[in-house]
Amino acid sequence: MNIKTGDKVRVIAGKDKGKEGTVTKVILKTDRVVVEGVNKVKKHQKPTQAEPKGGIVEKEAALHVSNVKLVDASSQKNHRVNKNDENKK
């Protein structure tokens, strides 16, 4: 996978199409990434000792890598990633 933690990406498919954010987590096994502020879902949390109130918690869910593209910092345009790009960095 050519997208790393800390990269700035733009969502190109799905309900959050067009949104940008930084990658906070990469899941190599399933080719997914978690992007900050994108693909928020609501999770029903049971009360625990750490979180005694419980309730409905909003968190970011993972997106498939094919649904995001790197954003070039200088031109703010989408950037297609391929294996040859790793050598240029």
Protein backbone atom coordinates (compact mmCIF):
# COMPACT_ATOMS: atom_id res chain seq x y z
CA MET A 1 0.00 0.00 0.00
CA ASN A 2 1.39 3.41 -0.97
CA ILE A 3 -0.66 5.58 1.38
CA LYS A 4 0.99 6.08 4.76
CA THR A 5 -0.08 7.49 8.12
CA GLY A 6 0.04 11.29 8.05
CA ASP A 7 -0.62 11.64 4.29
CA LYS A 8 -3.26 14.16 3.20
CA VAL A 9 -5.97 12.48 1.12
CA ARG A 10 -9.26 13.36 -0.58
CA VAL A 11 -12.24 10.97 -0.68
CA ILE A 12 -13.26 10.23 -4.29
CA ALA A 13 -16.24 7.89 -3.68
CA GLY A 14 -18.96 7.35 -1.10
CA LYS A 15 -21.07 9.53 1.15
CA ASP A 16 -18.15 11.82 2.05
CA LYS A 17 -16.98 12.39 -1.55
CA GLY A 18 -14.87 15.53 -1.86
CA LYS A 19 -13.84 15.77 1.81
CA GLU A 20 -10.17 15.97 2.76
CA GLY A 21 -8.27 14.83 5.82
CA THR A 22 -5.11 13.20 7.09
CA VAL A 23 -4.68 9.46 7.44
CA THR A 24 -4.63 8.48 11.12
CA LYS A 25 -4.43 4.69 10.74
CA VAL A 26 -3.57 2.21 7.99
CA ILE A 27 -4.96 -1.35 8.10
CA LEU A 28 -2.76 -3.39 5.74
CA LYS A 29 -4.60 -6.69 6.13
CA THR A 30 -7.86 -5.36 4.63
CA ASP A 31 -6.44 -2.45 2.51
CA ARG A 32 -8.29 0.19 4.53
CA VAL A 33 -7.42 3.58 5.97
CA VAL A 34 -8.97 5.74 8.69
CA VAL A 35 -9.13 9.43 7.72
CA GLU A 36 -9.53 12.18 10.31
CA GLY A 37 -13.00 13.77 10.21
CA VAL A 38 -14.32 11.54 7.39
CA ASN A 39 -16.80 8.62 7.37
CA LYS A 40 -18.15 9.27 10.85
CA VAL A 41 -20.44 6.59 12.27
CA LYS A 42 -22.42 6.37 15.50
CA LYS A 43 -21.63 3.52 17.85
CA HIS A 44 -23.80 2.53 20.79
CA GLN A 45 -21.44 2.24 23.76
CA LYS A 46 -22.34 0.26 26.90
CA PRO A 47 -21.38 1.82 30.21
CA THR A 48 -17.95 0.71 31.44
CA GLN A 49 -15.70 1.73 34.30
CA ALA A 50 -13.70 3.95 31.96
CA GLU A 51 -16.85 5.50 30.42
CA PRO A 52 -19.59 5.20 33.09
CA LYS A 53 -22.25 7.07 31.11
CA GLY A 54 -22.07 5.05 27.90
CA GLY A 55 -24.43 6.34 25.22
CA ILE A 56 -23.97 7.03 21.52
CA VAL A 57 -20.38 7.78 20.50
CA GLU A 58 -19.37 9.23 17.12
CA LYS A 59 -16.13 7.87 15.61
CA GLU A 60 -14.37 7.56 12.27
CA ALA A 61 -14.75 4.29 10.40
CA ALA A 62 -12.28 2.84 7.90
CA LEU A 63 -12.46 3.49 4.15
CA HIS A 64 -11.12 1.26 1.40
CA VAL A 65 -7.90 2.56 -0.15
CA SER A 66 -9.49 2.66 -3.61
CA ASN A 67 -11.90 5.36 -2.38
CA VAL A 68 -9.16 7.89 -1.51
CA LYS A 69 -6.45 9.72 -3.45
CA LEU A 70 -3.38 11.57 -2.26
CA VAL A 71 -3.55 15.36 -2.41
CA ASP A 72 -0.49 17.18 -3.74
CA ALA A 73 0.45 19.82 -1.14
CA SER A 74 1.61 22.47 -3.63
CA SER A 75 -1.14 22.31 -6.27
CA GLN A 76 -4.03 20.93 -4.11
CA LYS A 77 -4.89 18.41 -6.87
CA ASN A 78 -5.55 14.67 -6.61
CA HIS A 79 -2.54 12.49 -7.27
CA ARG A 80 -2.66 8.95 -8.61
CA VAL A 81 -0.44 6.61 -6.60
CA ASN A 82 1.58 3.80 -8.15
CA LYS A 83 4.59 1.73 -7.13
CA ASN A 84 7.06 3.98 -8.96
CA ASP A 85 6.07 6.97 -6.80
CA GLU A 86 7.77 5.46 -3.74
CA ASN A 87 11.18 5.99 -5.35
CA LYS A 88 10.47 9.68 -6.02
CA LYS A 89 9.71 10.57 -2.37
